[in-house]
Amino acid sequence: MSWYTNDKEVAHTRTYDNRTKASEEAHKAAAHGWRIDTEEPYTPPVEDRLLESGGGSFTALMGLHQPGEVTVTFVRTDEWLTAHG
């Protein structure tokens, strides 16, 4: 079951690898009463952005951050909320 088919949720935030994937899922979610509330470039937590000294070299702990990642917050449409009171 996909998150957007859950009738108990009214808000959902998800991070995507790229805007194409976000757009594809937004279209699927729209058919279930969702709309995009906010869309932001992904910013990893502080601990993932720290640099760690390894002797004379540095290792970046960027973890999962990839160029083009985007965090999208979805909310229910007004129509959906009215219909599901």
N, C-alpha and C. Protein backbone atom coordinates (compact mmCIF):
# COMPACT_ATOMS: atom_id res chain seq x y z
N MET A 1 0.84 -1.18 0.00
CA MET A 1 0.00 0.00 0.00
C MET A 1 0.89 1.25 0.00
N SER A 2 0.61 2.15 -0.90
CA SER A 2 1.35 3.41 -0.98
C SER A 2 0.85 4.39 0.07
N TRP A 3 1.71 5.30 0.49
CA TRP A 3 1.35 6.25 1.54
C TRP A 3 0.12 7.07 1.14
N TYR A 4 -0.01 7.39 -0.14
CA TYR A 4 -1.11 8.28 -0.55
C TYR A 4 -2.47 7.60 -0.59
N THR A 5 -2.53 6.29 -0.37
CA THR A 5 -3.82 5.60 -0.30
C THR A 5 -4.33 5.48 1.13
N ASN A 6 -3.55 5.93 2.10
CA ASN A 6 -3.94 5.88 3.50
C ASN A 6 -4.93 7.00 3.80
N ASP A 7 -6.19 6.66 4.04
CA ASP A 7 -7.23 7.66 4.29
C ASP A 7 -7.14 8.31 5.67
N LYS A 8 -6.23 7.88 6.51
CA LYS A 8 -6.09 8.48 7.85
C LYS A 8 -5.07 9.61 7.87
N GLU A 9 -4.21 9.67 6.87
CA GLU A 9 -3.19 10.71 6.82
C GLU A 9 -3.74 11.98 6.16
N VAL A 10 -3.34 13.13 6.70
CA VAL A 10 -3.72 14.41 6.09
C VAL A 10 -2.50 15.23 5.69
N ALA A 11 -1.30 14.78 6.06
CA ALA A 11 -0.06 15.43 5.66
C ALA A 11 1.02 14.36 5.55
N HIS A 12 1.94 14.57 4.61
CA HIS A 12 3.00 13.59 4.41
C HIS A 12 4.21 14.30 3.82
N THR A 13 5.41 14.05 4.36
CA THR A 13 6.64 14.64 3.84
C THR A 13 7.55 13.51 3.38
N ARG A 14 8.14 13.71 2.22
CA ARG A 14 8.98 12.67 1.63
C ARG A 14 10.13 13.34 0.86
N THR A 15 11.31 12.70 0.87
CA THR A 15 12.47 13.18 0.12
C THR A 15 12.67 12.27 -1.08
N TYR A 16 12.85 12.88 -2.24
CA TYR A 16 13.02 12.16 -3.50
C TYR A 16 14.42 12.40 -4.05
N ASP A 17 14.91 11.45 -4.83
CA ASP A 17 16.23 11.57 -5.44
C ASP A 17 16.30 12.71 -6.45
N ASN A 18 15.17 12.98 -7.10
CA ASN A 18 15.15 14.03 -8.10
C ASN A 18 13.72 14.52 -8.30
N ARG A 19 13.59 15.63 -8.99
CA ARG A 19 12.27 16.23 -9.20
C ARG A 19 11.37 15.38 -10.09
N THR A 20 11.95 14.59 -10.97
CA THR A 20 11.14 13.74 -11.84
C THR A 20 10.37 12.72 -11.01
N LYS A 21 11.04 12.07 -10.08
CA LYS A 21 10.38 11.10 -9.21
C LYS A 21 9.31 11.79 -8.35
N ALA A 22 9.63 12.96 -7.85
CA ALA A 22 8.67 13.71 -7.03
C ALA A 22 7.43 14.04 -7.86
N SER A 23 7.63 14.46 -9.09
CA SER A 23 6.51 14.81 -9.96
C SER A 23 5.65 13.59 -10.28
N GLU A 24 6.28 12.47 -10.56
CA GLU A 24 5.54 11.24 -10.86
C GLU A 24 4.65 10.84 -9.68
N GLU A 25 5.21 10.89 -8.47
CA GLU A 25 4.42 10.50 -7.31
C GLU A 25 3.35 11.54 -6.99
N ALA A 26 3.64 12.81 -7.26
CA ALA A 26 2.64 13.86 -7.02
C ALA A 26 1.41 13.63 -7.90
N HIS A 27 1.62 13.20 -9.13
CA HIS A 27 0.49 12.92 -10.02
C HIS A 27 -0.34 11.75 -9.50
N LYS A 28 0.32 10.71 -9.01
CA LYS A 28 -0.40 9.55 -8.44
C LYS A 28 -1.15 9.98 -7.18
N ALA A 29 -0.50 10.78 -6.33
CA ALA A 29 -1.12 11.21 -5.07
C ALA A 29 -2.33 12.11 -5.33
N ALA A 30 -2.27 12.92 -6.38
CA ALA A 30 -3.37 13.83 -6.69
C ALA A 30 -4.67 13.06 -6.94
N ALA A 31 -4.56 11.88 -7.49
CA ALA A 31 -5.74 11.05 -7.75
C ALA A 31 -6.38 10.55 -6.46
N HIS A 32 -5.66 10.70 -5.35
CA HIS A 32 -6.15 10.25 -4.04
C HIS A 32 -6.39 11.43 -3.09
N GLY A 33 -6.52 12.64 -3.64
CA GLY A 33 -6.86 13.80 -2.82
C GLY A 33 -5.70 14.52 -2.16
N TRP A 34 -4.51 14.46 -2.75
CA TRP A 34 -3.35 15.16 -2.22
C TRP A 34 -2.94 16.29 -3.14
N ARG A 35 -2.28 17.30 -2.56
CA ARG A 35 -1.66 18.38 -3.32
C ARG A 35 -0.33 18.70 -2.66
N ILE A 36 0.56 19.33 -3.40
CA ILE A 36 1.85 19.73 -2.84
C ILE A 36 1.66 21.00 -2.04
N ASP A 37 2.14 20.99 -0.81
CA ASP A 37 2.10 22.17 0.05
C ASP A 37 3.42 22.93 -0.05
N THR A 38 4.54 22.23 0.10
CA THR A 38 5.86 22.86 -0.01
C THR A 38 6.81 21.92 -0.74
N GLU A 39 7.81 22.53 -1.36
CA GLU A 39 8.83 21.78 -2.08
C GLU A 39 10.14 22.50 -1.86
N GLU A 40 11.13 21.79 -1.30
CA GLU A 40 12.41 22.42 -0.97
C GLU A 40 13.56 21.52 -1.35
N PRO A 41 14.70 22.11 -1.72
CA PRO A 41 15.89 21.27 -1.90
C PRO A 41 16.19 20.56 -0.60
N TYR A 42 16.59 19.31 -0.66
CA TYR A 42 16.87 18.53 0.54
C TYR A 42 18.13 19.05 1.22
N THR A 43 18.07 19.21 2.54
CA THR A 43 19.22 19.58 3.36
C THR A 43 19.42 18.48 4.38
N PRO A 44 20.56 17.78 4.32
CA PRO A 44 20.78 16.70 5.28
C PRO A 44 20.92 17.23 6.70
N PRO A 45 20.65 16.38 7.70
CA PRO A 45 20.84 16.79 9.09
C PRO A 45 22.27 17.25 9.33
N VAL A 46 22.47 18.09 10.33
CA VAL A 46 23.80 18.64 10.64
C VAL A 46 24.84 17.54 10.77
N GLU A 47 24.50 16.46 11.44
CA GLU A 47 25.50 15.41 11.66
C GLU A 47 25.95 14.77 10.35
N ASP A 48 25.14 14.83 9.29
CA ASP A 48 25.53 14.28 8.00
C ASP A 48 26.39 15.26 7.21
N ARG A 49 26.44 16.52 7.64
CA ARG A 49 27.20 17.53 6.90
C ARG A 49 28.55 17.81 7.54
N LEU A 50 28.82 17.21 8.68
CA LEU A 50 30.09 17.48 9.37
C LEU A 50 31.26 16.89 8.59
N LEU A 51 32.38 17.53 8.72
CA LEU A 51 33.60 16.98 8.13
C LEU A 51 34.41 16.34 9.24
N GLU A 52 34.97 15.20 8.94
CA GLU A 52 35.71 14.45 9.94
C GLU A 52 37.17 14.43 9.52
N SER A 53 38.04 14.79 10.42
CA SER A 53 39.46 14.79 10.10
C SER A 53 40.01 13.38 10.21
N GLY A 54 40.73 12.97 9.18
CA GLY A 54 41.35 11.63 9.18
C GLY A 54 42.83 11.79 8.92
N GLY A 55 43.58 12.22 9.92
CA GLY A 55 44.99 12.49 9.72
C GLY A 55 45.15 13.74 8.88
N GLY A 56 45.78 13.61 7.72
CA GLY A 56 45.97 14.76 6.85
C GLY A 56 44.85 14.93 5.84
N SER A 57 43.91 13.98 5.81
CA SER A 57 42.83 14.09 4.82
C SER A 57 41.49 14.31 5.50
N PHE A 58 40.53 14.73 4.74
CA PHE A 58 39.20 14.96 5.25
C PHE A 58 38.22 14.03 4.55
N THR A 59 37.26 13.53 5.30
CA THR A 59 36.22 12.69 4.74
C THR A 59 34.89 13.40 4.91
N ALA A 60 34.20 13.66 3.84
CA ALA A 60 32.90 14.31 3.92
C ALA A 60 31.85 13.26 4.26
N LEU A 61 31.05 13.56 5.26
CA LEU A 61 29.99 12.65 5.66
C LEU A 61 28.65 13.14 5.09
N MET A 62 28.61 13.33 3.81
CA MET A 62 27.39 13.85 3.20
C MET A 62 26.31 12.78 3.09
N GLY A 63 26.65 11.55 3.31
CA GLY A 63 25.66 10.49 3.37
C GLY A 63 24.78 10.42 2.15
N LEU A 64 23.49 10.62 2.35
CA LEU A 64 22.51 10.41 1.30
C LEU A 64 22.29 11.61 0.39
N HIS A 65 22.91 12.74 0.67
CA HIS A 65 22.62 13.94 -0.11
C HIS A 65 23.15 13.80 -1.53
N GLN A 66 22.28 13.96 -2.49
CA GLN A 66 22.64 13.94 -3.90
C GLN A 66 22.14 15.22 -4.53
N PRO A 67 22.87 15.75 -5.50
CA PRO A 67 22.37 16.93 -6.19
C PRO A 67 21.00 16.63 -6.80
N GLY A 68 20.10 17.55 -6.66
CA GLY A 68 18.77 17.36 -7.22
C GLY A 68 17.76 16.78 -6.27
N GLU A 69 18.19 16.34 -5.09
CA GLU A 69 17.22 15.82 -4.12
C GLU A 69 16.26 16.93 -3.72
N VAL A 70 15.02 16.53 -3.49
CA VAL A 70 14.00 17.51 -3.13
C VAL A 70 13.10 16.90 -2.06
N THR A 71 12.72 17.71 -1.08
CA THR A 71 11.80 17.30 -0.04
C THR A 71 10.46 17.95 -0.31
N VAL A 72 9.42 17.12 -0.39
CA VAL A 72 8.08 17.60 -0.71
C VAL A 72 7.14 17.28 0.44
N THR A 73 6.34 18.28 0.84
CA THR A 73 5.30 18.05 1.83
C THR A 73 3.96 18.10 1.10
N PHE A 74 3.22 17.02 1.24
CA PHE A 74 1.90 16.90 0.64
C PHE A 74 0.85 17.11 1.72
N VAL A 75 -0.27 17.71 1.37
CA VAL A 75 -1.42 17.85 2.26
C VAL A 75 -2.66 17.48 1.46
N ARG A 76 -3.72 17.19 2.18
CA ARG A 76 -4.99 16.85 1.53
C ARG A 76 -5.61 18.09 0.90
N THR A 77 -6.31 17.88 -0.21
CA THR A 77 -7.01 18.99 -0.85
C THR A 77 -8.23 19.38 -0.02
N ASP A 78 -8.70 20.59 -0.18
CA ASP A 78 -9.91 21.03 0.54
C ASP A 78 -11.10 20.15 0.18
N GLU A 79 -11.18 19.75 -1.09
CA GLU A 79 -12.28 18.90 -1.53
C GLU A 79 -12.26 17.55 -0.82
N TRP A 80 -11.08 16.97 -0.68
CA TRP A 80 -10.94 15.68 0.01
C TRP A 80 -11.35 15.82 1.47
N LEU A 81 -10.86 16.89 2.11
CA LEU A 81 -11.17 17.11 3.52
C LEU A 81 -12.68 17.29 3.73
N THR A 82 -13.34 18.00 2.83
CA THR A 82 -14.79 18.19 2.94
C THR A 82 -15.52 16.87 2.76
N ALA A 83 -15.11 16.08 1.80
CA ALA A 83 -15.76 14.80 1.52
C ALA A 83 -15.54 13.76 2.61
N HIS A 84 -14.42 13.88 3.34
CA HIS A 84 -14.07 12.88 4.36
C HIS A 84 -14.21 13.42 5.79
N GLY A 85 -14.82 14.59 5.90
CA GLY A 85 -15.15 15.26 7.14
C GLY A 85 -14.40 14.85 8.31
